[in-house]
Amino acid sequence: MKGYHDKDETLPIRLIENKPDICHSEEKLSLKAAKSYLQQGQINKMKSMLDRLPNILDRVEFLTENDQIEEAISTLKSAGGSISFFFK
């Protein structure tokens, strides 16, 4: 959609009629895609989807809930966060 707005073009009716519901936020869709990629073993694509999440703690929560502890620690370290809350 951004491309249409950047070019000052009208959105096709098909896009307007099939727009996602309010419950399909970018964050929710990114988490769903990340889960799917994880199940397929496509870790780099999973990381790419998680990078779309604005909140670093949402990324860490997803990773820890899906037994990706090393990746969660790496994500926190790269963001400059502390891992001490894991061990409280």
Protein backbone atom coordinates (compact mmCIF):
# COMPACT_ATOMS: atom_id res chain seq x y z
CA MET A 1 0.00 0.00 0.00
CA LYS A 2 2.85 2.34 0.77
CA GLY A 3 4.01 2.08 -2.83
CA TYR A 4 0.64 3.30 -4.05
CA HIS A 5 0.72 6.22 -1.64
CA ASP A 6 4.32 7.10 -2.58
CA LYS A 7 3.35 7.20 -6.26
CA ASP A 8 0.11 9.06 -5.47
CA GLU A 9 -1.90 6.26 -7.11
CA THR A 10 -5.36 5.01 -6.20
CA LEU A 11 -5.53 1.67 -4.39
CA PRO A 12 -7.05 -1.14 -6.46
CA ILE A 13 -10.56 -2.06 -5.32
CA ARG A 14 -9.40 -5.65 -4.70
CA LEU A 15 -6.95 -4.44 -2.05
CA ILE A 16 -9.57 -2.29 -0.40
CA GLU A 17 -12.16 -5.09 -0.33
CA ASN A 18 -9.68 -7.62 1.09
CA LYS A 19 -7.88 -5.49 3.63
CA PRO A 20 -6.98 -7.26 6.90
CA ASP A 21 -9.27 -6.97 9.91
CA ILE A 22 -8.28 -4.85 12.86
CA CYS A 23 -7.22 -8.05 14.66
CA HIS A 24 -4.57 -8.63 12.00
CA SER A 25 -1.99 -6.11 13.12
CA GLU A 26 1.51 -6.15 11.66
CA GLU A 27 2.81 -7.48 14.98
CA LYS A 28 0.35 -10.38 15.07
CA LEU A 29 1.00 -11.29 11.46
CA SER A 30 4.76 -11.09 12.03
CA LEU A 31 4.51 -13.41 15.04
CA LYS A 32 2.41 -15.88 13.06
CA ALA A 33 4.90 -15.84 10.22
CA ALA A 34 7.82 -16.23 12.64
CA LYS A 35 6.16 -19.28 14.21
CA SER A 36 5.55 -20.81 10.78
CA TYR A 37 9.14 -20.23 9.68
CA LEU A 38 10.42 -21.70 12.96
CA GLN A 39 8.32 -24.84 12.43
CA GLN A 40 9.81 -25.14 8.93
CA GLY A 41 13.33 -24.74 10.30
CA GLN A 42 13.86 -21.47 8.42
CA ILE A 43 15.57 -19.61 11.24
CA ASN A 44 16.80 -16.64 9.19
CA LYS A 45 13.30 -15.95 7.91
CA MET A 46 11.97 -16.32 11.46
CA LYS A 47 14.48 -13.71 12.64
CA SER A 48 13.46 -11.43 9.79
CA MET A 49 9.84 -11.58 10.93
CA LEU A 50 10.80 -10.94 14.54
CA ASP A 51 12.83 -7.90 13.48
CA ARG A 52 9.54 -6.32 12.41
CA LEU A 53 8.37 -6.25 16.03
CA PRO A 54 8.99 -2.81 17.55
CA ASN A 55 9.30 -4.13 21.10
CA ILE A 56 12.47 -6.12 21.82
CA LEU A 57 10.80 -7.88 24.75
CA ASP A 58 8.12 -9.27 22.41
CA ARG A 59 10.92 -10.83 20.35
CA VAL A 60 12.60 -12.27 23.44
CA GLU A 61 9.28 -13.61 24.74
CA PHE A 62 8.60 -15.37 21.43
CA LEU A 63 12.07 -16.89 21.39
CA THR A 64 11.98 -18.11 24.99
CA GLU A 65 8.47 -19.56 24.59
CA ASN A 66 9.73 -21.51 21.59
CA ASP A 67 12.89 -22.88 23.26
CA GLN A 68 15.22 -20.55 21.36
CA ILE A 69 17.07 -19.44 24.50
CA GLU A 70 20.45 -18.81 22.85
CA GLU A 71 18.77 -16.67 20.20
CA ALA A 72 16.86 -14.77 22.91
CA ILE A 73 20.10 -14.03 24.75
CA SER A 74 21.76 -12.95 21.52
CA THR A 75 18.82 -10.67 20.74
CA LEU A 76 19.04 -9.04 24.16
CA LYS A 77 22.79 -8.59 23.92
CA SER A 78 22.55 -6.99 20.50
CA ALA A 79 19.97 -4.57 21.87
CA GLY A 80 22.15 -3.76 24.85
CA GLY A 81 19.75 -5.34 27.32
CA SER A 82 20.47 -7.25 30.46
CA ILE A 83 19.80 -10.96 30.70
CA SER A 84 19.61 -10.88 34.49
CA PHE A 85 15.80 -10.97 34.53
CA PHE A 86 15.99 -14.55 33.17
CA PHE A 87 17.69 -15.70 36.35
CA LYS A 88 15.63 -13.96 39.05
